[in-house]
N, C-alpha and C. Protein backbone atom coordinates (compact mmCIF):
# COMPACT_ATOMS: atom_id res chain seq x y z
N MET A 1 32.25 -12.16 14.87
CA MET A 1 31.31 -11.26 15.53
C MET A 1 32.00 -10.65 16.74
N ASP A 2 31.90 -9.34 16.86
CA ASP A 2 32.52 -8.70 18.02
C ASP A 2 31.55 -8.68 19.20
N ILE A 3 32.07 -8.32 20.35
CA ILE A 3 31.31 -8.38 21.59
C ILE A 3 30.09 -7.45 21.57
N LEU A 4 30.19 -6.29 20.95
CA LEU A 4 29.05 -5.37 20.90
C LEU A 4 27.93 -5.92 20.04
N GLU A 5 28.26 -6.54 18.91
CA GLU A 5 27.24 -7.16 18.06
C GLU A 5 26.53 -8.28 18.82
N ARG A 6 27.32 -9.06 19.54
CA ARG A 6 26.77 -10.16 20.33
C ARG A 6 25.82 -9.63 21.40
N ARG A 7 26.25 -8.63 22.11
CA ARG A 7 25.42 -8.08 23.19
C ARG A 7 24.17 -7.38 22.67
N ASN A 8 24.24 -6.82 21.48
CA ASN A 8 23.07 -6.16 20.90
C ASN A 8 21.93 -7.14 20.62
N LEU A 9 22.23 -8.42 20.58
CA LEU A 9 21.19 -9.43 20.39
C LEU A 9 20.29 -9.56 21.62
N LEU A 10 20.77 -9.11 22.77
CA LEU A 10 20.02 -9.23 24.02
C LEU A 10 19.04 -8.06 24.16
N ALA A 11 17.95 -8.12 23.43
CA ALA A 11 16.94 -7.06 23.46
C ALA A 11 16.23 -7.04 24.82
N THR A 12 15.98 -5.85 25.31
CA THR A 12 15.33 -5.69 26.61
C THR A 12 14.05 -4.90 26.48
N GLU A 13 13.25 -4.99 27.54
CA GLU A 13 12.00 -4.23 27.64
C GLU A 13 11.94 -3.63 29.04
N ARG A 14 11.10 -2.66 29.22
CA ARG A 14 10.94 -2.02 30.51
C ARG A 14 10.38 -3.01 31.53
N ASN A 15 10.93 -2.99 32.74
CA ASN A 15 10.42 -3.81 33.84
C ASN A 15 9.04 -3.27 34.23
N PRO A 16 8.02 -4.13 34.25
CA PRO A 16 6.68 -3.63 34.57
C PRO A 16 6.51 -3.11 35.99
N ASP A 17 7.38 -3.55 36.93
CA ASP A 17 7.31 -3.03 38.29
C ASP A 17 8.69 -3.13 38.94
N SER A 18 9.48 -2.09 38.75
CA SER A 18 10.86 -2.11 39.24
C SER A 18 10.98 -1.99 40.76
N LYS A 19 9.86 -1.78 41.46
CA LYS A 19 9.91 -1.73 42.93
C LYS A 19 9.93 -3.12 43.54
N LEU A 20 9.49 -4.13 42.77
CA LEU A 20 9.42 -5.50 43.27
C LEU A 20 10.70 -6.27 43.00
N ASP A 21 11.07 -7.14 43.93
CA ASP A 21 12.11 -8.13 43.70
C ASP A 21 11.41 -9.42 43.28
N TYR A 22 11.70 -9.91 42.10
CA TYR A 22 11.17 -11.19 41.63
C TYR A 22 12.19 -11.83 40.72
N VAL A 23 12.10 -13.15 40.57
CA VAL A 23 13.08 -13.90 39.79
C VAL A 23 12.49 -14.27 38.44
N ILE A 24 13.25 -14.03 37.40
CA ILE A 24 12.91 -14.47 36.05
C ILE A 24 13.86 -15.61 35.69
N SER A 25 13.32 -16.69 35.17
CA SER A 25 14.13 -17.84 34.75
C SER A 25 13.89 -18.11 33.27
N ILE A 26 14.97 -18.28 32.54
CA ILE A 26 14.89 -18.63 31.12
C ILE A 26 15.89 -19.76 30.88
N THR A 27 15.45 -20.81 30.23
CA THR A 27 16.31 -21.94 29.92
C THR A 27 16.34 -22.15 28.42
N GLY A 28 17.55 -22.37 27.91
CA GLY A 28 17.71 -22.63 26.48
C GLY A 28 18.87 -23.59 26.26
N HIS A 29 19.30 -23.69 25.02
CA HIS A 29 20.41 -24.58 24.67
C HIS A 29 21.33 -23.88 23.70
N MET A 30 22.59 -24.25 23.76
CA MET A 30 23.57 -23.74 22.80
C MET A 30 24.61 -24.81 22.53
N ALA A 31 25.14 -24.80 21.33
CA ALA A 31 26.21 -25.72 20.98
C ALA A 31 27.49 -25.25 21.67
N THR A 32 28.17 -26.15 22.38
CA THR A 32 29.43 -25.80 23.02
C THR A 32 30.53 -26.79 22.68
N PHE A 33 30.14 -27.95 22.19
CA PHE A 33 31.12 -28.99 21.87
C PHE A 33 30.85 -29.54 20.48
N GLY A 34 30.87 -28.66 19.49
CA GLY A 34 30.62 -29.09 18.12
C GLY A 34 29.14 -29.34 17.90
N GLU A 35 28.86 -30.17 16.93
CA GLU A 35 27.48 -30.41 16.53
C GLU A 35 26.85 -31.62 17.23
N VAL A 36 27.59 -32.27 18.14
CA VAL A 36 27.11 -33.50 18.75
C VAL A 36 25.82 -33.26 19.53
N ASP A 37 25.90 -32.55 20.61
CA ASP A 37 24.75 -32.23 21.46
C ASP A 37 24.91 -30.80 21.94
N SER A 38 23.82 -30.25 22.42
CA SER A 38 23.91 -28.88 22.92
C SER A 38 23.92 -28.88 24.44
N SER A 39 24.48 -27.82 24.99
CA SER A 39 24.54 -27.63 26.43
C SER A 39 23.29 -26.88 26.89
N ALA A 40 22.77 -27.25 28.05
CA ALA A 40 21.64 -26.54 28.64
C ALA A 40 22.16 -25.26 29.29
N VAL A 41 21.47 -24.16 29.04
CA VAL A 41 21.84 -22.87 29.62
C VAL A 41 20.65 -22.38 30.44
N HIS A 42 20.90 -22.13 31.72
CA HIS A 42 19.86 -21.63 32.62
C HIS A 42 20.27 -20.22 33.05
N LEU A 43 19.38 -19.29 32.84
CA LEU A 43 19.59 -17.90 33.26
C LEU A 43 18.50 -17.56 34.26
N ARG A 44 18.91 -17.06 35.42
CA ARG A 44 17.96 -16.55 36.41
C ARG A 44 18.45 -15.19 36.84
N TYR A 45 17.50 -14.27 37.01
CA TYR A 45 17.91 -12.93 37.44
C TYR A 45 16.76 -12.21 38.13
N VAL A 46 17.15 -11.26 38.96
CA VAL A 46 16.21 -10.33 39.58
C VAL A 46 16.40 -9.03 38.82
N PRO A 47 15.38 -8.62 38.07
CA PRO A 47 15.55 -7.44 37.22
C PRO A 47 15.58 -6.14 38.02
N ASP A 48 16.13 -5.13 37.39
CA ASP A 48 16.11 -3.79 37.95
C ASP A 48 15.21 -2.95 37.05
N LYS A 49 15.78 -2.22 36.11
CA LYS A 49 14.97 -1.33 35.26
C LYS A 49 14.43 -2.01 34.00
N VAL A 50 15.12 -3.07 33.52
CA VAL A 50 14.69 -3.74 32.29
C VAL A 50 14.65 -5.25 32.49
N ILE A 51 13.88 -5.90 31.61
CA ILE A 51 13.83 -7.36 31.56
C ILE A 51 14.27 -7.80 30.17
N LEU A 52 14.71 -9.04 30.09
CA LEU A 52 15.21 -9.59 28.85
C LEU A 52 14.06 -10.19 28.03
N ASN A 53 14.06 -9.93 26.75
CA ASN A 53 13.09 -10.54 25.84
C ASN A 53 13.50 -12.00 25.65
N PRO A 54 12.65 -12.98 26.03
CA PRO A 54 13.05 -14.39 25.94
C PRO A 54 13.42 -14.85 24.53
N ALA A 55 12.70 -14.41 23.52
CA ALA A 55 13.03 -14.80 22.14
C ALA A 55 14.39 -14.27 21.74
N ALA A 56 14.73 -13.08 22.21
CA ALA A 56 16.05 -12.51 21.92
C ALA A 56 17.15 -13.34 22.58
N PHE A 57 16.87 -13.86 23.78
CA PHE A 57 17.86 -14.71 24.45
C PHE A 57 18.07 -16.00 23.65
N GLY A 58 17.02 -16.54 23.07
CA GLY A 58 17.14 -17.72 22.22
C GLY A 58 18.02 -17.45 21.00
N ARG A 59 17.81 -16.31 20.35
CA ARG A 59 18.65 -15.95 19.19
C ARG A 59 20.09 -15.72 19.62
N TYR A 60 20.28 -15.12 20.78
CA TYR A 60 21.61 -14.91 21.34
C TYR A 60 22.32 -16.25 21.55
N LEU A 61 21.63 -17.23 22.14
CA LEU A 61 22.23 -18.54 22.36
C LEU A 61 22.56 -19.24 21.04
N ASP A 62 21.72 -19.09 20.04
CA ASP A 62 22.02 -19.65 18.72
C ASP A 62 23.31 -19.06 18.17
N THR A 63 23.47 -17.76 18.34
CA THR A 63 24.68 -17.08 17.87
C THR A 63 25.90 -17.53 18.65
N LEU A 64 25.77 -17.62 19.98
CA LEU A 64 26.90 -18.09 20.79
C LEU A 64 27.30 -19.51 20.42
N GLY A 65 26.33 -20.33 20.09
CA GLY A 65 26.61 -21.72 19.74
C GLY A 65 27.41 -21.86 18.45
N ALA A 66 27.39 -20.84 17.63
CA ALA A 66 28.15 -20.88 16.38
C ALA A 66 29.61 -20.45 16.59
N LEU A 67 29.93 -19.95 17.79
CA LEU A 67 31.28 -19.51 18.09
C LEU A 67 32.08 -20.65 18.71
N GLU A 68 33.40 -20.56 18.62
CA GLU A 68 34.27 -21.55 19.24
C GLU A 68 34.52 -21.19 20.71
N TRP A 69 34.35 -22.16 21.60
CA TRP A 69 34.59 -21.96 23.02
C TRP A 69 35.63 -22.97 23.47
N ALA A 70 36.70 -22.47 24.09
CA ALA A 70 37.77 -23.35 24.56
C ALA A 70 37.27 -24.23 25.70
N THR A 71 36.44 -23.66 26.57
CA THR A 71 35.92 -24.40 27.72
C THR A 71 34.48 -23.99 27.99
N LEU A 72 33.81 -24.82 28.74
CA LEU A 72 32.46 -24.50 29.18
C LEU A 72 32.48 -23.26 30.07
N GLU A 73 33.54 -23.11 30.85
CA GLU A 73 33.69 -21.95 31.73
C GLU A 73 33.78 -20.66 30.92
N ASP A 74 34.47 -20.70 29.77
CA ASP A 74 34.55 -19.51 28.90
C ASP A 74 33.17 -19.11 28.40
N ALA A 75 32.39 -20.09 27.99
CA ALA A 75 31.04 -19.81 27.49
C ALA A 75 30.16 -19.24 28.60
N ALA A 76 30.23 -19.82 29.79
CA ALA A 76 29.42 -19.34 30.92
C ALA A 76 29.80 -17.91 31.31
N ALA A 77 31.09 -17.63 31.34
CA ALA A 77 31.55 -16.27 31.68
C ALA A 77 31.08 -15.26 30.64
N ALA A 78 31.08 -15.64 29.37
CA ALA A 78 30.61 -14.73 28.32
C ALA A 78 29.14 -14.42 28.51
N VAL A 79 28.32 -15.44 28.80
CA VAL A 79 26.89 -15.20 29.01
C VAL A 79 26.69 -14.29 30.22
N LEU A 80 27.35 -14.58 31.32
CA LEU A 80 27.19 -13.74 32.52
C LEU A 80 27.60 -12.29 32.24
N ASN A 81 28.73 -12.09 31.62
CA ASN A 81 29.21 -10.73 31.34
C ASN A 81 28.29 -9.99 30.36
N ASP A 82 27.82 -10.69 29.35
CA ASP A 82 26.92 -10.05 28.37
C ASP A 82 25.60 -9.66 29.02
N VAL A 83 25.02 -10.58 29.78
CA VAL A 83 23.74 -10.31 30.44
C VAL A 83 23.92 -9.18 31.47
N ASN A 84 25.00 -9.23 32.24
CA ASN A 84 25.26 -8.15 33.21
C ASN A 84 25.36 -6.80 32.51
N ASN A 85 26.02 -6.76 31.39
CA ASN A 85 26.21 -5.51 30.67
C ASN A 85 24.90 -4.94 30.14
N GLU A 86 24.03 -5.79 29.64
CA GLU A 86 22.79 -5.32 29.01
C GLU A 86 21.65 -5.10 30.00
N LEU A 87 21.56 -5.94 31.03
CA LEU A 87 20.43 -5.85 31.95
C LEU A 87 20.71 -5.01 33.19
N ILE A 88 21.95 -5.05 33.64
CA ILE A 88 22.30 -4.44 34.92
C ILE A 88 21.27 -4.88 35.97
N ALA A 89 21.11 -6.19 36.07
CA ALA A 89 20.13 -6.79 36.99
C ALA A 89 20.62 -6.68 38.44
N ARG A 90 19.70 -6.80 39.36
CA ARG A 90 20.06 -6.78 40.78
C ARG A 90 20.87 -8.02 41.15
N TRP A 91 20.49 -9.15 40.56
CA TRP A 91 21.16 -10.42 40.81
C TRP A 91 21.05 -11.27 39.54
N VAL A 92 22.12 -11.97 39.20
CA VAL A 92 22.14 -12.81 37.99
C VAL A 92 22.82 -14.12 38.32
N GLN A 93 22.25 -15.20 37.80
CA GLN A 93 22.87 -16.52 37.91
C GLN A 93 22.82 -17.19 36.55
N VAL A 94 23.96 -17.70 36.10
CA VAL A 94 24.06 -18.42 34.83
C VAL A 94 24.60 -19.81 35.13
N SER A 95 23.94 -20.82 34.59
CA SER A 95 24.39 -22.19 34.72
C SER A 95 24.42 -22.81 33.33
N ILE A 96 25.54 -23.46 33.00
CA ILE A 96 25.64 -24.18 31.73
C ILE A 96 26.08 -25.60 32.04
N SER A 97 25.35 -26.56 31.50
CA SER A 97 25.65 -27.98 31.69
C SER A 97 26.03 -28.60 30.36
N ALA A 98 27.19 -29.23 30.33
CA ALA A 98 27.62 -29.95 29.12
C ALA A 98 26.73 -31.17 28.93
N PRO A 99 26.57 -31.62 27.69
CA PRO A 99 25.82 -32.87 27.48
C PRO A 99 26.46 -34.00 28.28
N ASP A 100 25.65 -34.92 28.75
CA ASP A 100 26.15 -36.04 29.54
C ASP A 100 27.27 -36.77 28.82
N GLN A 101 28.28 -37.12 29.57
CA GLN A 101 29.43 -37.90 29.12
C GLN A 101 30.17 -37.27 27.93
N THR A 102 30.24 -35.94 27.95
CA THR A 102 31.01 -35.23 26.93
C THR A 102 32.50 -35.53 27.08
N HIS A 103 32.94 -35.60 28.32
CA HIS A 103 34.35 -35.87 28.61
C HIS A 103 34.50 -37.33 29.05
N PRO A 104 35.51 -38.03 28.57
CA PRO A 104 35.71 -39.42 28.97
C PRO A 104 35.82 -39.56 30.50
N GLY A 105 35.04 -40.48 31.05
CA GLY A 105 35.10 -40.75 32.48
C GLY A 105 34.33 -39.77 33.34
N ILE A 106 33.74 -38.74 32.76
CA ILE A 106 33.01 -37.72 33.52
C ILE A 106 31.53 -37.82 33.16
N ASP A 107 30.70 -37.99 34.17
CA ASP A 107 29.27 -38.08 33.91
C ASP A 107 28.63 -36.71 33.68
N ARG A 108 29.09 -35.71 34.43
CA ARG A 108 28.44 -34.39 34.34
C ARG A 108 29.47 -33.29 34.54
N HIS A 109 29.34 -32.22 33.75
CA HIS A 109 30.19 -31.04 33.87
C HIS A 109 29.26 -29.84 33.80
N GLU A 110 29.21 -29.07 34.87
CA GLU A 110 28.33 -27.91 34.95
C GLU A 110 29.10 -26.74 35.54
N VAL A 111 28.80 -25.55 35.04
CA VAL A 111 29.41 -24.32 35.55
C VAL A 111 28.27 -23.43 36.05
N LEU A 112 28.43 -22.90 37.25
CA LEU A 112 27.44 -22.01 37.84
C LEU A 112 28.14 -20.72 38.24
N LEU A 113 27.70 -19.61 37.68
CA LEU A 113 28.26 -18.29 37.98
C LEU A 113 27.15 -17.39 38.49
N GLU A 114 27.53 -16.47 39.38
CA GLU A 114 26.54 -15.60 39.98
C GLU A 114 27.16 -14.23 40.23
N ASP A 115 26.33 -13.20 40.13
CA ASP A 115 26.77 -11.85 40.42
C ASP A 115 25.57 -11.05 40.93
N ARG A 116 25.86 -9.98 41.64
CA ARG A 116 24.79 -9.11 42.13
C ARG A 116 25.29 -7.68 42.24
N GLN A 117 24.34 -6.75 42.25
CA GLN A 117 24.69 -5.35 42.45
C GLN A 117 25.20 -5.17 43.87
N PRO A 118 26.15 -4.26 44.05
CA PRO A 118 26.63 -3.97 45.41
C PRO A 118 25.47 -3.53 46.30
N ASN A 119 25.48 -4.01 47.52
CA ASN A 119 24.48 -3.65 48.53
C ASN A 119 23.09 -4.21 48.29
N TRP A 120 22.89 -5.01 47.22
CA TRP A 120 21.57 -5.64 47.04
C TRP A 120 21.59 -6.98 47.74
N ASP A 121 20.53 -7.24 48.50
CA ASP A 121 20.41 -8.54 49.15
C ASP A 121 18.93 -8.81 49.42
N ASN A 122 18.51 -9.98 49.03
CA ASN A 122 17.17 -10.44 49.36
C ASN A 122 17.31 -11.94 49.62
N ALA A 123 17.88 -12.27 50.77
CA ALA A 123 18.17 -13.66 51.12
C ALA A 123 16.90 -14.51 51.14
N GLY A 124 15.79 -13.94 51.56
CA GLY A 124 14.54 -14.69 51.59
C GLY A 124 14.11 -15.14 50.21
N LEU A 125 14.24 -14.27 49.24
CA LEU A 125 13.87 -14.62 47.86
C LEU A 125 14.82 -15.66 47.29
N LEU A 126 16.12 -15.43 47.43
CA LEU A 126 17.11 -16.35 46.84
C LEU A 126 17.12 -17.71 47.53
N SER A 127 16.76 -17.77 48.80
CA SER A 127 16.77 -19.05 49.52
C SER A 127 15.70 -20.00 49.00
N ARG A 128 14.71 -19.50 48.31
CA ARG A 128 13.65 -20.34 47.77
C ARG A 128 14.05 -21.03 46.47
N LEU A 129 15.14 -20.57 45.87
CA LEU A 129 15.55 -21.11 44.57
C LEU A 129 16.28 -22.43 44.73
N LYS A 130 16.02 -23.34 43.82
CA LYS A 130 16.72 -24.62 43.79
C LYS A 130 17.76 -24.57 42.70
N LEU A 131 18.86 -25.28 42.91
CA LEU A 131 19.88 -25.38 41.88
C LEU A 131 19.36 -26.25 40.75
N HIS A 132 19.82 -25.97 39.54
CA HIS A 132 19.42 -26.78 38.37
C HIS A 132 20.19 -28.06 38.36
């Protein structure tokens, strides 16, 4: 599957009120380390002109889970870049957590990536968010 086919899975809808800053959170799972367990994927964003269809994000994660990922960081970067490309959100945060004890001697492995539009800032809104 090429990158455009993958990104086309991220169906969007019109933002009901693009004048407001608000946070949308969607959590799902995707296979990242074979068929053993799936990794938790948390997406949070402040929309601009469009919002993501949650069911489409689920199908997107199912598709990503069927692909080979060298590292959890590779998978997280792909999600961030794909979501950024399709939503052009004001602010985006992607977090992926590997299943517990995936790596010998490591209890937890999580990747957190974040991006925002230039000159956008709403520190009051973002300060209310808790890390996953």
